[in-house]
């Protein structure tokens, strides 16, 4: 077994009477058993069924990045800061498969894989990175620890509102 490196290759041909001719190529054999650096996928929860998915990837010479989601695989090129993005709203053409439409309430696996010239591959280590949530939250319960009654200005009234999912509350009441 050869260690990683570049090796010359020489071929010699000899005819029936012993005449020989040799030819060689200085860097004809490249042994590369090292996988590329692992890419990443940024987790995303979105209300878009055609989101832009992002991550990072540092590509070496001859390395390629493929991103797979919902049945389709796309060739993606990172920018100069090693950030890649895949905008599904622009209907990109996959290099294989076909994109199955993303639907509300589902979680999707996004796989980023770097392959080098020697076919060494490495994928991202995250799972279930894409969540589609197009439904608004609903109120599932309202309670209060403050007794029923009349209250004046400046008196606290505790109201607990239970929502169907995590929400961000704006406490600016326009005062």
N, C-alpha and C. Protein backbone atom coordinates (compact mmCIF):
# COMPACT_ATOMS: atom_id res chain seq x y z
N UNK A 1 0.84 -1.18 0.00
CA UNK A 1 0.00 0.00 0.00
C UNK A 1 0.88 1.24 0.00
N UNK A 2 0.48 2.19 -0.79
CA UNK A 2 1.20 3.46 -0.88
C UNK A 2 0.63 4.45 0.13
N UNK A 3 1.50 5.23 0.75
CA UNK A 3 0.97 6.32 1.58
C UNK A 3 0.44 7.43 0.67
N UNK A 4 -0.40 8.32 1.24
CA UNK A 4 -0.91 9.44 0.46
C UNK A 4 0.24 10.19 -0.19
N UNK A 5 0.04 10.54 -1.46
CA UNK A 5 1.07 11.28 -2.18
C UNK A 5 0.87 11.16 -3.68
N UNK A 6 1.80 11.74 -4.43
CA UNK A 6 1.77 11.71 -5.89
C UNK A 6 2.97 10.90 -6.35
N UNK A 7 2.74 9.98 -7.29
CA UNK A 7 3.78 9.06 -7.72
C UNK A 7 3.90 9.06 -9.24
N UNK A 8 5.15 8.91 -9.74
CA UNK A 8 5.34 8.78 -11.20
C UNK A 8 4.93 7.38 -11.65
N UNK A 9 4.52 7.27 -12.90
CA UNK A 9 4.18 5.98 -13.48
C UNK A 9 4.98 5.85 -14.76
N UNK A 10 5.67 4.71 -14.93
CA UNK A 10 6.45 4.44 -16.13
C UNK A 10 5.97 3.12 -16.72
N UNK A 11 5.76 3.09 -18.03
CA UNK A 11 5.36 1.87 -18.73
C UNK A 11 6.44 1.53 -19.74
N UNK A 12 6.80 0.25 -19.78
CA UNK A 12 7.80 -0.22 -20.73
C UNK A 12 7.17 -1.30 -21.60
N UNK A 13 7.36 -1.15 -22.92
CA UNK A 13 6.84 -2.12 -23.88
C UNK A 13 8.04 -2.76 -24.58
N UNK A 14 8.04 -4.08 -24.63
CA UNK A 14 9.14 -4.82 -25.28
C UNK A 14 8.56 -5.69 -26.37
N UNK A 15 9.18 -5.61 -27.60
CA UNK A 15 8.68 -6.44 -28.69
C UNK A 15 9.30 -7.83 -28.61
N UNK A 16 8.98 -8.71 -29.53
CA UNK A 16 9.42 -10.10 -29.53
C UNK A 16 10.92 -10.29 -29.64
N UNK A 17 11.65 -9.31 -30.15
CA UNK A 17 13.11 -9.47 -30.31
C UNK A 17 13.87 -8.70 -29.24
N UNK A 18 13.16 -8.15 -28.26
CA UNK A 18 13.83 -7.49 -27.15
C UNK A 18 13.96 -5.98 -27.23
N UNK A 19 13.40 -5.35 -28.27
CA UNK A 19 13.44 -3.89 -28.35
C UNK A 19 12.44 -3.33 -27.34
N UNK A 20 12.91 -2.39 -26.52
CA UNK A 20 12.04 -1.84 -25.46
C UNK A 20 11.89 -0.34 -25.64
N UNK A 21 10.70 0.15 -25.31
CA UNK A 21 10.41 1.58 -25.30
C UNK A 21 9.70 1.88 -23.98
N UNK A 22 10.16 2.94 -23.33
CA UNK A 22 9.54 3.34 -22.05
C UNK A 22 8.95 4.73 -22.18
N UNK A 23 7.88 4.94 -21.45
CA UNK A 23 7.29 6.26 -21.36
C UNK A 23 6.80 6.44 -19.93
N UNK A 24 6.84 7.65 -19.48
CA UNK A 24 6.43 7.89 -18.11
C UNK A 24 5.73 9.22 -17.95
N UNK A 25 4.97 9.32 -16.88
CA UNK A 25 4.29 10.55 -16.51
C UNK A 25 4.66 10.82 -15.05
N UNK A 26 5.18 12.02 -14.81
CA UNK A 26 5.73 12.35 -13.48
C UNK A 26 4.70 12.28 -12.36
N UNK A 27 3.51 12.79 -12.54
CA UNK A 27 2.52 12.84 -11.47
C UNK A 27 1.24 12.11 -11.88
N UNK A 28 1.38 10.87 -12.36
CA UNK A 28 0.24 10.15 -12.92
C UNK A 28 -0.62 9.46 -11.86
N UNK A 29 -0.04 9.10 -10.73
CA UNK A 29 -0.78 8.37 -9.71
C UNK A 29 -0.87 9.22 -8.46
N UNK A 30 -2.10 9.50 -8.03
CA UNK A 30 -2.33 10.25 -6.80
C UNK A 30 -3.05 9.33 -5.83
N UNK A 31 -2.44 9.11 -4.67
CA UNK A 31 -3.06 8.32 -3.61
C UNK A 31 -3.58 9.31 -2.57
N UNK A 32 -4.89 9.26 -2.33
CA UNK A 32 -5.53 10.19 -1.39
C UNK A 32 -6.55 9.41 -0.59
N UNK A 33 -6.24 9.11 0.65
CA UNK A 33 -7.15 8.38 1.52
C UNK A 33 -7.76 9.28 2.60
N UNK A 34 -7.49 10.58 2.50
CA UNK A 34 -7.98 11.53 3.50
C UNK A 34 -9.29 12.16 3.04
N UNK A 35 -10.30 12.05 3.89
CA UNK A 35 -11.59 12.66 3.56
C UNK A 35 -11.49 14.18 3.67
N UNK A 36 -12.31 14.90 2.91
CA UNK A 36 -12.34 16.36 3.00
C UNK A 36 -12.84 16.81 4.38
N UNK A 37 -12.75 18.10 4.65
CA UNK A 37 -13.30 18.67 5.89
C UNK A 37 -14.82 18.59 5.84
N UNK A 38 -15.45 18.29 6.98
CA UNK A 38 -16.90 18.11 7.03
C UNK A 38 -17.65 19.43 6.81
N UNK A 39 -18.70 19.40 5.99
CA UNK A 39 -19.55 20.58 5.81
C UNK A 39 -20.55 20.68 6.96
N UNK A 40 -21.29 21.78 7.03
CA UNK A 40 -22.35 21.94 8.02
C UNK A 40 -23.64 22.36 7.33
N UNK A 41 -24.74 22.14 8.02
CA UNK A 41 -26.06 22.61 7.61
C UNK A 41 -26.62 23.40 8.79
N UNK A 42 -27.12 24.60 8.53
CA UNK A 42 -27.70 25.43 9.58
C UNK A 42 -29.17 25.01 9.78
N UNK A 43 -29.53 24.68 11.02
CA UNK A 43 -30.91 24.29 11.33
C UNK A 43 -31.85 25.46 11.04
N UNK A 44 -33.04 25.15 10.52
CA UNK A 44 -33.98 26.19 10.12
C UNK A 44 -35.41 25.75 10.40
N UNK A 45 -36.16 26.60 11.12
CA UNK A 45 -37.60 26.45 11.23
C UNK A 45 -38.19 27.65 10.50
N UNK A 46 -39.05 27.38 9.53
CA UNK A 46 -39.53 28.44 8.65
C UNK A 46 -41.00 28.25 8.29
N UNK A 47 -41.66 29.35 7.92
CA UNK A 47 -43.03 29.26 7.43
C UNK A 47 -43.08 29.23 5.91
N UNK A 48 -41.93 29.07 5.27
CA UNK A 48 -41.86 28.99 3.81
C UNK A 48 -41.75 27.53 3.38
N UNK A 49 -42.51 27.14 2.36
CA UNK A 49 -42.38 25.79 1.82
C UNK A 49 -41.33 25.74 0.70
N UNK A 50 -40.70 26.89 0.42
CA UNK A 50 -39.60 26.95 -0.54
C UNK A 50 -38.48 27.81 0.08
N UNK A 51 -37.89 27.33 1.17
CA UNK A 51 -36.93 28.15 1.91
C UNK A 51 -35.55 28.19 1.26
N UNK A 52 -34.71 29.06 1.81
CA UNK A 52 -33.29 29.06 1.48
C UNK A 52 -32.57 28.35 2.60
N UNK A 53 -31.89 27.27 2.27
CA UNK A 53 -31.15 26.45 3.22
C UNK A 53 -29.69 26.87 3.14
N UNK A 54 -28.99 26.96 4.28
CA UNK A 54 -27.61 27.42 4.28
C UNK A 54 -26.72 26.49 5.11
N UNK A 55 -25.43 26.70 4.95
CA UNK A 55 -24.44 25.96 5.73
C UNK A 55 -23.06 26.46 5.39
N UNK A 56 -22.05 25.72 5.82
CA UNK A 56 -20.66 26.06 5.51
C UNK A 56 -19.96 24.85 4.90
N UNK A 57 -18.97 25.13 4.07
CA UNK A 57 -18.16 24.08 3.46
C UNK A 57 -16.88 24.70 2.93
N UNK A 58 -15.76 24.08 3.28
CA UNK A 58 -14.47 24.51 2.77
C UNK A 58 -14.03 23.48 1.73
N UNK A 59 -14.00 23.90 0.47
CA UNK A 59 -13.65 22.98 -0.60
C UNK A 59 -12.19 23.11 -0.98
N UNK A 60 -11.52 21.97 -1.10
CA UNK A 60 -10.16 21.93 -1.61
C UNK A 60 -10.19 21.78 -3.12
N UNK A 61 -9.01 21.70 -3.73
CA UNK A 61 -8.92 21.55 -5.19
C UNK A 61 -9.66 20.31 -5.65
N UNK A 62 -10.55 20.48 -6.60
CA UNK A 62 -11.28 19.37 -7.19
C UNK A 62 -12.41 18.83 -6.34
N UNK A 63 -12.66 19.40 -5.17
CA UNK A 63 -13.74 18.91 -4.33
C UNK A 63 -15.07 19.55 -4.74
N UNK A 64 -16.15 18.78 -4.57
CA UNK A 64 -17.47 19.27 -4.91
C UNK A 64 -18.40 19.13 -3.71
N UNK A 65 -19.43 19.97 -3.68
CA UNK A 65 -20.43 19.94 -2.61
C UNK A 65 -21.78 19.60 -3.21
N UNK A 66 -22.44 18.62 -2.62
CA UNK A 66 -23.81 18.26 -3.02
C UNK A 66 -24.70 18.39 -1.79
N UNK A 67 -25.89 18.97 -1.98
CA UNK A 67 -26.84 19.13 -0.89
C UNK A 67 -28.13 18.40 -1.30
N UNK A 68 -28.60 17.51 -0.41
CA UNK A 68 -29.80 16.72 -0.68
C UNK A 68 -30.90 17.10 0.30
N UNK A 69 -32.12 17.26 -0.23
CA UNK A 69 -33.29 17.53 0.60
C UNK A 69 -34.53 17.03 -0.13
N UNK A 70 -35.39 16.35 0.57
CA UNK A 70 -36.70 15.93 0.08
C UNK A 70 -36.67 15.29 -1.31
N UNK A 71 -35.74 14.35 -1.50
CA UNK A 71 -35.69 13.57 -2.74
C UNK A 71 -34.84 14.13 -3.86
N UNK A 72 -34.27 15.33 -3.68
CA UNK A 72 -33.46 15.95 -4.74
C UNK A 72 -32.06 16.26 -4.22
N UNK A 73 -31.08 16.15 -5.10
CA UNK A 73 -29.69 16.49 -4.77
C UNK A 73 -29.23 17.59 -5.72
N UNK A 74 -28.62 18.63 -5.13
CA UNK A 74 -28.19 19.81 -5.88
C UNK A 74 -26.69 19.99 -5.76
N UNK A 75 -26.06 20.47 -6.82
CA UNK A 75 -24.66 20.88 -6.78
C UNK A 75 -24.64 22.32 -6.28
N UNK A 76 -23.86 22.57 -5.23
CA UNK A 76 -23.83 23.88 -4.59
C UNK A 76 -22.38 24.33 -4.46
N UNK A 77 -22.13 25.63 -4.69
CA UNK A 77 -20.79 26.19 -4.57
C UNK A 77 -20.76 27.21 -3.44
N UNK A 78 -19.89 27.00 -2.45
CA UNK A 78 -19.78 27.99 -1.37
C UNK A 78 -19.19 29.30 -1.88
N UNK A 79 -19.49 30.41 -1.17
CA UNK A 79 -18.90 31.70 -1.53
C UNK A 79 -17.49 31.80 -0.95
N UNK A 80 -16.86 32.95 -1.08
CA UNK A 80 -15.47 33.12 -0.63
C UNK A 80 -15.32 33.02 0.89
N UNK A 81 -16.43 33.12 1.63
CA UNK A 81 -16.37 32.95 3.09
C UNK A 81 -16.77 31.52 3.50
N UNK A 82 -16.79 30.60 2.54
CA UNK A 82 -17.12 29.19 2.76
C UNK A 82 -18.57 28.97 3.19
N UNK A 83 -19.46 29.90 2.85
CA UNK A 83 -20.88 29.76 3.15
C UNK A 83 -21.60 29.35 1.87
N UNK A 84 -22.43 28.34 1.97
CA UNK A 84 -23.24 27.94 0.82
C UNK A 84 -24.72 28.20 1.12
N UNK A 85 -25.50 28.36 0.06
CA UNK A 85 -26.94 28.50 0.23
C UNK A 85 -27.64 27.84 -0.96
N UNK A 86 -28.82 27.32 -0.66
CA UNK A 86 -29.65 26.67 -1.67
C UNK A 86 -31.04 27.26 -1.55
N UNK A 87 -31.42 28.08 -2.54
CA UNK A 87 -32.71 28.76 -2.54
C UNK A 87 -33.72 27.92 -3.30
N UNK A 88 -34.60 27.23 -2.59
CA UNK A 88 -35.58 26.36 -3.24
C UNK A 88 -36.69 27.14 -3.93
N UNK A 89 -36.81 28.45 -3.66
CA UNK A 89 -37.84 29.25 -4.32
C UNK A 89 -37.50 29.56 -5.77
N UNK A 90 -36.23 29.40 -6.16
CA UNK A 90 -35.83 29.68 -7.53
C UNK A 90 -35.93 28.45 -8.43
N UNK A 91 -36.47 27.37 -7.88
CA UNK A 91 -36.62 26.10 -8.60
C UNK A 91 -35.32 25.68 -9.27
N UNK A 92 -34.27 25.46 -8.47
CA UNK A 92 -33.01 25.02 -9.08
C UNK A 92 -33.15 23.61 -9.67
N UNK A 93 -32.33 23.30 -10.64
CA UNK A 93 -32.36 21.99 -11.27
C UNK A 93 -31.47 21.04 -10.49
N UNK A 94 -32.03 19.96 -9.97
CA UNK A 94 -31.21 19.01 -9.20
C UNK A 94 -30.29 18.21 -10.13
N UNK A 95 -29.17 17.73 -9.57
CA UNK A 95 -28.28 16.87 -10.34
C UNK A 95 -28.78 15.43 -10.30
N UNK A 96 -29.67 15.14 -9.33
CA UNK A 96 -30.33 13.84 -9.30
C UNK A 96 -31.62 13.95 -8.49
N UNK A 97 -32.56 13.07 -8.80
CA UNK A 97 -33.83 13.05 -8.09
C UNK A 97 -34.74 14.19 -8.48
N UNK A 98 -35.82 14.33 -7.73
CA UNK A 98 -36.78 15.41 -7.93
C UNK A 98 -37.26 15.86 -6.55
N UNK A 99 -37.41 17.15 -6.39
CA UNK A 99 -37.84 17.71 -5.12
C UNK A 99 -39.31 17.39 -4.86
N UNK A 100 -39.56 16.67 -3.77
CA UNK A 100 -40.92 16.45 -3.32
C UNK A 100 -41.33 17.69 -2.55
N UNK A 101 -42.48 18.28 -2.84
CA UNK A 101 -42.87 19.53 -2.16
C UNK A 101 -42.81 19.41 -0.64
N UNK A 102 -42.32 20.47 -0.01
CA UNK A 102 -42.24 20.51 1.45
C UNK A 102 -43.61 20.91 2.00
N UNK A 103 -44.02 20.28 3.09
CA UNK A 103 -45.36 20.53 3.62
C UNK A 103 -45.32 20.92 5.09
N UNK A 104 -46.36 21.64 5.50
CA UNK A 104 -46.49 22.13 6.87
C UNK A 104 -46.47 20.98 7.86
N UNK A 105 -45.79 21.22 8.97
CA UNK A 105 -45.76 20.25 10.06
C UNK A 105 -44.73 19.15 9.90
N UNK A 106 -43.95 19.19 8.85
CA UNK A 106 -42.97 18.13 8.61
C UNK A 106 -41.56 18.62 8.93
N UNK A 107 -40.71 17.66 9.29
CA UNK A 107 -39.30 17.90 9.53
C UNK A 107 -38.52 17.15 8.46
N UNK A 108 -37.52 17.81 7.88
CA UNK A 108 -36.78 17.22 6.76
C UNK A 108 -35.30 17.12 7.08
N UNK A 109 -34.70 16.06 6.60
CA UNK A 109 -33.26 15.87 6.67
C UNK A 109 -32.62 16.63 5.51
N UNK A 110 -31.59 17.41 5.80
CA UNK A 110 -30.80 18.08 4.77
C UNK A 110 -29.39 17.52 4.90
N UNK A 111 -28.86 16.97 3.82
CA UNK A 111 -27.54 16.37 3.87
C UNK A 111 -26.60 17.11 2.93
N UNK A 112 -25.50 17.63 3.50
CA UNK A 112 -24.44 18.26 2.70
C UNK A 112 -23.27 17.29 2.66
N UNK A 113 -22.78 17.00 1.45
CA UNK A 113 -21.69 16.03 1.29
C UNK A 113 -20.61 16.61 0.39
N UNK A 114 -19.36 16.55 0.86
CA UNK A 114 -18.21 16.96 0.04
C UNK A 114 -17.53 15.70 -0.47
N UNK A 115 -17.21 15.70 -1.77
CA UNK A 115 -16.51 14.59 -2.41
C UNK A 115 -15.25 15.13 -3.06
N UNK A 116 -14.11 14.43 -2.84
CA UNK A 116 -12.86 14.87 -3.48
C UNK A 116 -12.59 14.05 -4.74
N UNK A 117 -11.49 14.34 -5.41
CA UNK A 117 -11.17 13.69 -6.69
C UNK A 117 -10.96 12.18 -6.55
N UNK A 118 -10.59 11.73 -5.34
CA UNK A 118 -10.37 10.30 -5.11
C UNK A 118 -11.65 9.61 -4.63
N UNK A 119 -12.77 10.31 -4.71
CA UNK A 119 -14.09 9.81 -4.29
C UNK A 119 -14.21 9.63 -2.78
N UNK A 120 -13.33 10.26 -2.00
CA UNK A 120 -13.51 10.30 -0.55
C UNK A 120 -14.66 11.25 -0.28
N UNK A 121 -15.57 10.85 0.61
CA UNK A 121 -16.74 11.67 0.92
C UNK A 121 -16.85 11.89 2.42
N UNK A 122 -17.44 13.03 2.76
CA UNK A 122 -17.81 13.29 4.15
C UNK A 122 -19.07 14.15 4.14
N UNK A 123 -19.99 13.81 5.04
CA UNK A 123 -21.24 14.55 5.14
C UNK A 123 -21.34 15.29 6.45
N UNK A 124 -22.31 16.18 6.53
CA UNK A 124 -22.54 16.91 7.78
C UNK A 124 -23.03 15.94 8.84
N UNK A 125 -22.84 16.32 10.11
CA UNK A 125 -23.20 15.42 11.20
C UNK A 125 -24.57 15.71 11.81
N UNK A 126 -25.25 16.76 11.34
CA UNK A 126 -26.54 17.12 11.92
C UNK A 126 -27.68 16.32 11.28
N UNK A 127 -28.83 16.32 11.96
CA UNK A 127 -30.00 15.62 11.44
C UNK A 127 -31.24 16.48 11.64
N UNK A 128 -32.25 16.20 10.84
CA UNK A 128 -33.55 16.87 10.94
C UNK A 128 -33.42 18.38 11.07
N UNK A 129 -32.69 18.99 10.11
CA UNK A 129 -32.36 20.42 10.18
C UNK A 129 -33.46 21.35 9.70
N UNK A 130 -34.43 20.87 8.95
CA UNK A 130 -35.42 21.74 8.33
C UNK A 130 -36.82 21.42 8.83
N UNK A 131 -37.48 22.41 9.44
CA UNK A 131 -38.84 22.24 9.94
C UNK A 131 -39.73 23.26 9.23
N UNK A 132 -40.82 22.78 8.63
CA UNK A 132 -41.77 23.65 7.95
C UNK A 132 -42.96 23.86 8.88
N UNK A 133 -43.25 25.13 9.19
CA UNK A 133 -44.35 25.48 10.09
C UNK A 133 -45.09 26.67 9.52
N UNK A 134 -46.13 26.40 8.73
CA UNK A 134 -46.90 27.48 8.10
C UNK A 134 -48.18 27.79 8.86
N UNK A 135 -48.47 27.07 9.94
CA UNK A 135 -49.69 27.30 10.71
C UNK A 135 -49.41 28.24 11.86
N UNK A 136 -50.29 29.20 12.06
CA UNK A 136 -50.16 30.14 13.16
C UNK A 136 -50.50 29.48 14.49
N UNK A 137 -50.00 30.03 15.57
CA UNK A 137 -50.32 29.46 16.89
C UNK A 137 -51.79 29.73 17.24
N UNK A 138 -52.32 28.89 18.09
CA UNK A 138 -53.69 29.07 18.56
C UNK A 138 -53.70 29.09 20.09
N UNK A 139 -54.69 29.73 20.65
CA UNK A 139 -54.86 29.77 22.11
C UNK A 139 -55.50 28.46 22.53
N UNK A 140 -54.85 27.75 23.48
CA UNK A 140 -55.40 26.48 23.95
C UNK A 140 -55.90 26.58 25.39
N UNK A 141 -55.60 27.69 26.05
CA UNK A 141 -56.10 27.85 27.41
C UNK A 141 -55.79 29.22 27.96
N UNK A 142 -56.72 29.76 28.80
CA UNK A 142 -56.50 31.03 29.48
C UNK A 142 -56.87 30.83 30.95
N UNK A 143 -55.95 31.19 31.85
CA UNK A 143 -56.21 31.09 33.29
C UNK A 143 -55.68 32.35 33.96
N UNK A 144 -56.09 32.54 35.22
CA UNK A 144 -55.61 33.67 36.00
C UNK A 144 -55.52 33.27 37.46
N UNK A 145 -54.47 33.72 38.13
CA UNK A 145 -54.36 33.51 39.57
C UNK A 145 -54.92 34.70 40.34
N UNK A 146 -55.34 35.73 39.63
CA UNK A 146 -55.95 36.92 40.24
C UNK A 146 -57.45 36.66 40.39
N UNK A 147 -58.01 36.87 41.60
CA UNK A 147 -59.44 36.61 41.80
C UNK A 147 -60.30 37.55 40.95
N UNK A 148 -61.50 37.08 40.63
CA UNK A 148 -62.46 37.91 39.90
C UNK A 148 -62.72 39.18 40.70
N UNK A 149 -62.95 40.27 40.02
CA UNK A 149 -63.25 41.51 40.71
C UNK A 149 -62.92 42.71 39.84
N UNK A 150 -63.05 43.88 40.44
CA UNK A 150 -62.73 45.13 39.75
C UNK A 150 -61.37 45.60 40.21
N UNK A 151 -60.59 46.10 39.29
CA UNK A 151 -59.23 46.54 39.60
C UNK A 151 -59.03 47.92 39.02
N UNK A 152 -58.28 48.73 39.74
CA UNK A 152 -58.01 50.09 39.31
C UNK A 152 -56.71 50.19 38.53
N UNK A 153 -56.43 51.40 38.06
CA UNK A 153 -55.21 51.69 37.30
C UNK A 153 -54.01 51.35 38.17
N UNK A 154 -53.03 50.65 37.60
CA UNK A 154 -51.80 50.32 38.30
C UNK A 154 -51.85 49.04 39.08
N UNK A 155 -53.02 48.42 39.23
CA UNK A 155 -53.11 47.16 39.94
C UNK A 155 -52.81 46.02 38.96
N UNK A 156 -52.04 45.04 39.44
CA UNK A 156 -51.63 43.92 38.60
C UNK A 156 -52.73 42.88 38.48
N UNK A 157 -52.95 42.41 37.28
CA UNK A 157 -53.85 41.30 37.01
C UNK A 157 -53.03 40.26 36.26
N UNK A 158 -52.90 39.06 36.83
CA UNK A 158 -52.11 38.00 36.22
C UNK A 158 -52.99 37.19 35.29
N UNK A 159 -52.59 37.12 34.05
CA UNK A 159 -53.31 36.33 33.05
C UNK A 159 -52.31 35.37 32.41
N UNK A 160 -52.63 34.09 32.40
CA UNK A 160 -51.79 33.07 31.77
C UNK A 160 -52.49 32.59 30.51
N UNK A 161 -51.80 32.72 29.39
CA UNK A 161 -52.36 32.27 28.11
C UNK A 161 -51.47 31.14 27.60
N UNK A 162 -52.07 29.97 27.38
CA UNK A 162 -51.33 28.83 26.86
C UNK A 162 -51.55 28.76 25.35
N UNK A 163 -50.44 28.73 24.60
CA UNK A 163 -50.51 28.69 23.13
C UNK A 163 -50.16 27.29 22.63
N UNK A 164 -50.52 27.00 21.42
CA UNK A 164 -50.27 25.69 20.82
C UNK A 164 -48.80 25.47 20.47
N UNK A 165 -47.99 26.54 20.46
CA UNK A 165 -46.57 26.45 20.19
C UNK A 165 -45.87 27.66 20.81
N UNK A 166 -44.55 27.63 20.84
CA UNK A 166 -43.80 28.76 21.38
C UNK A 166 -44.09 30.01 20.56
N UNK A 167 -44.26 31.15 21.25
CA UNK A 167 -44.54 32.42 20.59
C UNK A 167 -43.65 33.51 21.17
N UNK A 168 -43.52 34.61 20.45
CA UNK A 168 -42.84 35.79 20.94
C UNK A 168 -43.91 36.81 21.29
N UNK A 169 -43.84 37.35 22.51
CA UNK A 169 -44.87 38.27 22.99
C UNK A 169 -44.34 39.68 22.92
N UNK A 170 -45.14 40.58 22.31
CA UNK A 170 -44.82 42.00 22.28
C UNK A 170 -45.58 42.65 23.43
N UNK A 171 -44.85 43.16 24.41
CA UNK A 171 -45.49 43.72 25.60
C UNK A 171 -45.77 45.21 25.49
N UNK A 172 -45.54 45.81 24.32
CA UNK A 172 -45.83 47.22 24.13
C UNK A 172 -47.34 47.37 23.94
N UNK A 173 -48.01 47.88 24.94
CA UNK A 173 -49.46 48.02 24.89
C UNK A 173 -49.89 49.39 24.38
N UNK A 174 -48.97 50.09 23.75
CA UNK A 174 -49.29 51.38 23.14
C UNK A 174 -49.43 52.50 24.14
N UNK A 175 -48.80 52.38 25.29
CA UNK A 175 -48.94 53.42 26.32
C UNK A 175 -48.12 54.60 26.02
